[in-house]
Every structure is written in C-alpha cells, then in structure tokens.
Amino acid sequence: MFGKNPPIKFAAGPFEVLGQENEKLGTNDYCCVSIWSTGGPLMRYTRLKDTTLRVPPLPTDCKFRVGHDAKRLYYIGILNGKKKLVVIWLKDLSHSWVDLGPHADQIMTLEDSSLFR
C-alpha cells in the first residue's frame, strides 16, 4: 500500500518577512496578540483568536493600554523607522495604525494617555 508511492519533497517558497528589522539584535521584531479563555469542567485555557502585527512596540514602552470603552487596545510602535499609534479592536482583532505627526520623536511613552475614539 505505501511502497508504490514516491516520497514527497517539501521546499519553502518565497515569503514575506514579517516585522521590522532590528539592526542591533539582527532580528525581525513583531507583535502577537492572543485572546484566551478559561473554563469548562477541566479549566483549560483555550485560544479564542490571535493576530500578528508587523509593528513592534517601542523598547521604552512595551505596555498595551485599553480604551475607555474596553473595545480596543493600543500601544506605540515603530513602522519603517517612524513611531505610530497602533489600535487593535478586540471584537475581531482588526488593527490600524495612526501617524503621530511631526513631533512623534518626542513621544517616549503613552503613560497617562487615553484613547477616546
């Protein structure tokens, strides 16, 4: 039954490199967001959904913040060498990033910030 089938050779094809290149470490940095649930009779963790973002957080501020309505997360990240505000909607983990304007270099952390819209 198995003797008549030739072996299958797998080879990687071209693929897009995820993340932003970190020259200091020689790596590609990115961010993964997962939503987990505990429950059931065995109290096991279950991953409900996850997404991978190509915008890594700033090394000086790696915290996620939650919007006032608890429907979105946000953090400050680096995309193509520029700081961006990354917004992740918890309903479907869709995301977008917002340009921080001409004074983005002065922002080091989002401490004491709030996201209303």
N, C-alpha and C. Protein backbone atom coordinates (compact mmCIF):
# COMPACT_ATOMS: atom_id res chain seq x y z
N MET A 1 0.82 -1.19 0.00
CA MET A 1 0.00 0.00 0.00
C MET A 1 0.87 1.25 0.00
N PHE A 2 1.91 1.33 0.84
CA PHE A 2 2.74 2.52 0.89
C PHE A 2 3.95 2.42 -0.04
N GLY A 3 4.31 1.23 -0.50
CA GLY A 3 5.51 1.05 -1.30
C GLY A 3 5.42 1.63 -2.70
N LYS A 4 4.25 1.83 -3.24
CA LYS A 4 4.10 2.31 -4.62
C LYS A 4 4.16 3.82 -4.74
N ASN A 5 4.06 4.54 -3.65
CA ASN A 5 4.04 6.00 -3.70
C ASN A 5 5.46 6.56 -3.55
N PRO A 6 5.85 7.46 -4.44
CA PRO A 6 7.18 8.06 -4.32
C PRO A 6 7.23 9.04 -3.14
N PRO A 7 8.40 9.30 -2.59
CA PRO A 7 8.48 10.26 -1.47
C PRO A 7 8.14 11.67 -1.94
N ILE A 8 7.61 12.45 -1.04
CA ILE A 8 7.25 13.84 -1.33
C ILE A 8 8.33 14.74 -0.75
N LYS A 9 8.84 15.65 -1.54
CA LYS A 9 9.84 16.60 -1.08
C LYS A 9 9.18 17.95 -0.90
N PHE A 10 9.38 18.52 0.28
CA PHE A 10 8.83 19.83 0.60
C PHE A 10 9.94 20.86 0.52
N ALA A 11 9.65 22.00 -0.05
CA ALA A 11 10.62 23.09 -0.15
C ALA A 11 9.90 24.40 0.13
N ALA A 12 10.57 25.28 0.86
CA ALA A 12 9.99 26.59 1.17
C ALA A 12 10.05 27.48 -0.05
N GLY A 13 8.98 28.17 -0.31
CA GLY A 13 8.93 29.12 -1.41
C GLY A 13 9.19 30.53 -0.89
N PRO A 14 9.12 31.49 -1.74
CA PRO A 14 9.32 32.88 -1.28
C PRO A 14 8.19 33.29 -0.35
N PHE A 15 8.53 34.05 0.69
CA PHE A 15 7.53 34.52 1.63
C PHE A 15 7.90 35.90 2.12
N GLU A 16 6.89 36.63 2.57
CA GLU A 16 7.11 37.98 3.07
C GLU A 16 7.64 37.91 4.49
N VAL A 17 8.69 38.64 4.77
CA VAL A 17 9.26 38.66 6.12
C VAL A 17 8.38 39.53 6.98
N LEU A 18 7.94 38.97 8.10
CA LEU A 18 7.04 39.68 9.00
C LEU A 18 7.84 40.52 9.97
N GLY A 19 7.40 41.70 10.26
CA GLY A 19 8.02 42.52 11.28
C GLY A 19 8.93 43.59 10.73
N GLN A 20 9.59 44.26 11.66
CA GLN A 20 10.52 45.33 11.34
C GLN A 20 11.92 44.88 11.73
N GLU A 21 12.89 45.14 10.88
CA GLU A 21 14.24 44.69 11.14
C GLU A 21 14.85 45.47 12.30
N ASN A 22 15.41 44.73 13.26
CA ASN A 22 16.10 45.30 14.39
C ASN A 22 17.60 45.11 14.15
N GLU A 23 18.27 46.18 13.73
CA GLU A 23 19.67 46.07 13.36
C GLU A 23 20.56 45.76 14.56
N LYS A 24 20.19 46.26 15.75
CA LYS A 24 21.01 46.00 16.94
C LYS A 24 21.06 44.52 17.28
N LEU A 25 19.91 43.85 17.18
CA LEU A 25 19.84 42.44 17.55
C LEU A 25 19.94 41.50 16.36
N GLY A 26 19.81 42.02 15.15
CA GLY A 26 19.84 41.17 13.97
C GLY A 26 18.60 40.30 13.85
N THR A 27 17.45 40.82 14.27
CA THR A 27 16.20 40.06 14.24
C THR A 27 15.12 40.86 13.53
N ASN A 28 13.98 40.22 13.28
CA ASN A 28 12.77 40.89 12.80
C ASN A 28 11.79 40.91 13.96
N ASP A 29 11.43 42.09 14.42
CA ASP A 29 10.54 42.25 15.56
C ASP A 29 9.11 42.43 15.08
N TYR A 30 8.18 41.81 15.80
CA TYR A 30 6.76 41.96 15.50
C TYR A 30 6.00 41.77 16.80
N CYS A 31 4.68 41.85 16.75
CA CYS A 31 3.84 41.77 17.93
C CYS A 31 2.73 40.74 17.69
N CYS A 32 2.52 39.87 18.64
CA CYS A 32 1.45 38.87 18.55
C CYS A 32 0.45 39.13 19.67
N VAL A 33 -0.83 39.22 19.33
CA VAL A 33 -1.89 39.45 20.30
C VAL A 33 -2.81 38.23 20.27
N SER A 34 -3.02 37.62 21.43
CA SER A 34 -3.91 36.45 21.55
C SER A 34 -4.94 36.71 22.64
N ILE A 35 -6.15 36.23 22.41
CA ILE A 35 -7.21 36.30 23.42
C ILE A 35 -7.51 34.88 23.85
N TRP A 36 -7.41 34.65 25.15
CA TRP A 36 -7.59 33.32 25.73
C TRP A 36 -8.80 33.29 26.64
N SER A 37 -9.34 32.11 26.84
CA SER A 37 -10.46 31.90 27.73
C SER A 37 -10.16 30.70 28.63
N THR A 38 -10.61 30.77 29.87
CA THR A 38 -10.54 29.61 30.74
C THR A 38 -11.95 29.18 31.06
N GLY A 39 -12.14 27.92 31.21
CA GLY A 39 -13.48 27.47 31.53
C GLY A 39 -13.67 26.01 31.21
N GLY A 40 -14.88 25.56 31.38
CA GLY A 40 -15.19 24.17 31.15
C GLY A 40 -14.88 23.34 32.39
N PRO A 41 -15.21 22.09 32.34
CA PRO A 41 -15.01 21.25 33.53
C PRO A 41 -13.54 21.02 33.88
N LEU A 42 -12.64 21.11 32.91
CA LEU A 42 -11.23 20.88 33.19
C LEU A 42 -10.44 22.16 33.40
N MET A 43 -11.10 23.32 33.31
CA MET A 43 -10.46 24.62 33.49
C MET A 43 -9.20 24.77 32.64
N ARG A 44 -9.30 24.43 31.38
CA ARG A 44 -8.16 24.55 30.48
C ARG A 44 -8.23 25.88 29.74
N TYR A 45 -7.07 26.33 29.32
CA TYR A 45 -7.00 27.54 28.50
C TYR A 45 -7.35 27.20 27.06
N THR A 46 -8.12 28.07 26.45
CA THR A 46 -8.50 27.91 25.05
C THR A 46 -8.20 29.22 24.34
N ARG A 47 -7.45 29.14 23.25
CA ARG A 47 -7.18 30.35 22.48
C ARG A 47 -8.38 30.63 21.60
N LEU A 48 -8.97 31.80 21.79
CA LEU A 48 -10.15 32.18 21.03
C LEU A 48 -9.78 32.76 19.67
N LYS A 49 -8.81 33.66 19.66
CA LYS A 49 -8.36 34.25 18.41
C LYS A 49 -7.01 34.90 18.63
N ASP A 50 -6.29 35.08 17.54
CA ASP A 50 -5.00 35.75 17.64
C ASP A 50 -4.68 36.43 16.32
N THR A 51 -3.75 37.36 16.39
CA THR A 51 -3.28 38.07 15.20
C THR A 51 -1.83 38.44 15.40
N THR A 52 -1.14 38.62 14.30
CA THR A 52 0.25 39.03 14.33
C THR A 52 0.37 40.36 13.61
N LEU A 53 0.97 41.33 14.26
CA LEU A 53 1.12 42.67 13.71
C LEU A 53 2.58 42.91 13.36
N ARG A 54 2.84 43.54 12.24
CA ARG A 54 4.21 43.80 11.84
C ARG A 54 4.79 45.05 12.48
N VAL A 55 4.08 45.66 13.41
CA VAL A 55 4.54 46.86 14.09
C VAL A 55 4.92 46.48 15.53
N PRO A 56 6.21 46.37 15.84
CA PRO A 56 6.62 46.02 17.20
C PRO A 56 6.47 47.21 18.14
N PRO A 57 6.24 46.98 19.42
CA PRO A 57 6.16 48.09 20.37
C PRO A 57 7.52 48.73 20.59
N LEU A 58 7.50 49.95 21.10
CA LEU A 58 8.74 50.64 21.42
C LEU A 58 9.47 49.90 22.54
N PRO A 59 10.78 49.82 22.49
CA PRO A 59 11.51 49.19 23.59
C PRO A 59 11.34 49.92 24.92
N THR A 60 11.07 51.23 24.86
CA THR A 60 10.90 52.01 26.09
C THR A 60 9.50 51.93 26.66
N ASP A 61 8.54 51.42 25.88
CA ASP A 61 7.14 51.35 26.34
C ASP A 61 6.48 50.14 25.69
N CYS A 62 6.58 48.99 26.32
CA CYS A 62 6.03 47.74 25.77
C CYS A 62 4.65 47.40 26.31
N LYS A 63 3.97 48.33 26.96
CA LYS A 63 2.66 48.05 27.56
C LYS A 63 1.54 48.27 26.55
N PHE A 64 0.51 47.43 26.68
CA PHE A 64 -0.74 47.64 25.95
C PHE A 64 -1.66 48.44 26.86
N ARG A 65 -2.38 49.37 26.29
CA ARG A 65 -3.38 50.11 27.05
C ARG A 65 -4.76 49.77 26.49
N VAL A 66 -5.77 49.93 27.32
CA VAL A 66 -7.15 49.61 26.93
C VAL A 66 -7.92 50.91 26.82
N GLY A 67 -8.72 51.04 25.75
CA GLY A 67 -9.55 52.21 25.57
C GLY A 67 -10.62 52.29 26.66
N HIS A 68 -11.21 53.47 26.85
CA HIS A 68 -12.20 53.70 27.90
C HIS A 68 -13.42 52.79 27.76
N ASP A 69 -13.79 52.41 26.54
CA ASP A 69 -14.95 51.55 26.35
C ASP A 69 -14.59 50.07 26.38
N ALA A 70 -13.31 49.73 26.60
CA ALA A 70 -12.81 48.35 26.67
C ALA A 70 -13.08 47.57 25.39
N LYS A 71 -13.10 48.27 24.26
CA LYS A 71 -13.31 47.60 22.98
C LYS A 71 -12.04 47.56 22.14
N ARG A 72 -10.99 48.24 22.59
CA ARG A 72 -9.77 48.27 21.80
C ARG A 72 -8.54 48.40 22.69
N LEU A 73 -7.44 47.86 22.17
CA LEU A 73 -6.13 48.01 22.78
C LEU A 73 -5.35 49.01 21.95
N TYR A 74 -4.39 49.64 22.57
CA TYR A 74 -3.50 50.48 21.79
C TYR A 74 -2.11 50.49 22.41
N TYR A 75 -1.13 50.75 21.57
CA TYR A 75 0.25 50.88 22.01
C TYR A 75 1.01 51.71 20.98
N ILE A 76 2.20 52.15 21.36
CA ILE A 76 3.02 52.92 20.44
C ILE A 76 4.09 51.98 19.87
N GLY A 77 4.23 52.00 18.55
CA GLY A 77 5.15 51.09 17.89
C GLY A 77 5.97 51.78 16.82
N ILE A 78 6.83 51.01 16.19
CA ILE A 78 7.71 51.53 15.14
C ILE A 78 7.38 50.83 13.83
N LEU A 79 7.07 51.61 12.80
CA LEU A 79 6.80 51.09 11.47
C LEU A 79 7.68 51.83 10.48
N ASN A 80 8.58 51.12 9.82
CA ASN A 80 9.51 51.71 8.86
C ASN A 80 10.31 52.87 9.46
N GLY A 81 10.72 52.71 10.72
CA GLY A 81 11.55 53.71 11.38
C GLY A 81 10.79 54.89 11.96
N LYS A 82 9.46 54.91 11.86
CA LYS A 82 8.66 56.02 12.39
C LYS A 82 7.72 55.50 13.45
N LYS A 83 7.47 56.32 14.48
CA LYS A 83 6.57 55.93 15.56
C LYS A 83 5.12 56.06 15.11
N LYS A 84 4.33 55.05 15.44
CA LYS A 84 2.91 55.03 15.08
C LYS A 84 2.10 54.61 16.30
N LEU A 85 0.87 55.07 16.37
CA LEU A 85 -0.07 54.59 17.38
C LEU A 85 -0.82 53.43 16.76
N VAL A 86 -0.74 52.25 17.35
CA VAL A 86 -1.39 51.05 16.82
C VAL A 86 -2.66 50.80 17.63
N VAL A 87 -3.78 50.64 16.94
CA VAL A 87 -5.07 50.40 17.57
C VAL A 87 -5.57 49.02 17.13
N ILE A 88 -5.94 48.18 18.11
CA ILE A 88 -6.41 46.82 17.84
C ILE A 88 -7.82 46.69 18.41
N TRP A 89 -8.81 46.36 17.56
CA TRP A 89 -10.17 46.17 18.02
C TRP A 89 -10.32 44.74 18.53
N LEU A 90 -10.82 44.58 19.74
CA LEU A 90 -10.91 43.27 20.38
C LEU A 90 -11.99 42.37 19.77
N LYS A 91 -12.98 42.95 19.12
CA LYS A 91 -14.06 42.16 18.55
C LYS A 91 -13.54 41.17 17.51
N ASP A 92 -12.71 41.65 16.59
CA ASP A 92 -12.21 40.78 15.52
C ASP A 92 -10.70 40.85 15.34
N LEU A 93 -10.01 41.55 16.23
CA LEU A 93 -8.56 41.75 16.20
C LEU A 93 -8.09 42.43 14.91
N SER A 94 -8.98 43.19 14.29
CA SER A 94 -8.52 44.02 13.18
C SER A 94 -7.70 45.17 13.78
N HIS A 95 -6.86 45.78 12.99
CA HIS A 95 -5.98 46.79 13.54
C HIS A 95 -5.68 47.87 12.50
N SER A 96 -5.24 48.99 13.00
CA SER A 96 -4.80 50.08 12.14
C SER A 96 -3.73 50.86 12.89
N TRP A 97 -2.98 51.65 12.17
CA TRP A 97 -2.00 52.48 12.82
C TRP A 97 -2.20 53.92 12.38
N VAL A 98 -1.88 54.83 13.29
CA VAL A 98 -2.12 56.25 13.09
C VAL A 98 -0.78 56.98 13.17
N ASP A 99 -0.55 57.87 12.25
CA ASP A 99 0.66 58.68 12.27
C ASP A 99 0.59 59.65 13.45
N LEU A 100 1.69 59.82 14.15
CA LEU A 100 1.71 60.67 15.35
C LEU A 100 2.12 62.11 15.05
N GLY A 101 2.34 62.43 13.80
CA GLY A 101 2.61 63.81 13.43
C GLY A 101 4.08 64.19 13.50
N PRO A 102 4.35 65.48 13.33
CA PRO A 102 5.74 65.93 13.25
C PRO A 102 6.52 65.82 14.57
N HIS A 103 5.83 65.75 15.68
CA HIS A 103 6.51 65.70 16.98
C HIS A 103 6.56 64.28 17.55
N ALA A 104 6.45 63.29 16.70
CA ALA A 104 6.44 61.89 17.16
C ALA A 104 7.74 61.50 17.84
N ASP A 105 8.85 62.09 17.44
CA ASP A 105 10.14 61.75 18.05
C ASP A 105 10.20 62.11 19.53
N GLN A 106 9.39 63.06 19.96
CA GLN A 106 9.40 63.48 21.37
C GLN A 106 8.60 62.53 22.26
N ILE A 107 7.77 61.67 21.69
CA ILE A 107 6.94 60.75 22.48
C ILE A 107 7.77 59.52 22.83
N MET A 108 7.97 59.28 24.11
CA MET A 108 8.74 58.12 24.57
C MET A 108 7.85 57.04 25.19
N THR A 109 6.68 57.45 25.70
CA THR A 109 5.77 56.52 26.35
C THR A 109 4.34 57.05 26.22
N LEU A 110 3.38 56.17 26.40
CA LEU A 110 1.97 56.57 26.41
C LEU A 110 1.42 56.62 27.83
N GLU A 111 2.32 56.71 28.81
CA GLU A 111 1.91 56.79 30.22
C GLU A 111 0.99 58.00 30.39
N ASP A 112 -0.10 57.80 31.14
CA ASP A 112 -1.10 58.84 31.42
C ASP A 112 -1.82 59.32 30.16
N SER A 113 -1.86 58.49 29.12
CA SER A 113 -2.60 58.84 27.91
C SER A 113 -3.97 58.16 27.95
N SER A 114 -4.84 58.60 27.07
CA SER A 114 -6.16 57.96 26.96
C SER A 114 -6.60 57.99 25.52
N LEU A 115 -7.33 56.95 25.13
CA LEU A 115 -7.81 56.83 23.76
C LEU A 115 -9.34 56.87 23.80
N PHE A 116 -9.91 57.94 23.26
CA PHE A 116 -11.35 58.10 23.29
C PHE A 116 -12.02 57.60 22.03
N ARG A 117 -11.44 57.82 20.87
CA ARG A 117 -12.08 57.42 19.62
C ARG A 117 -11.16 56.58 18.81
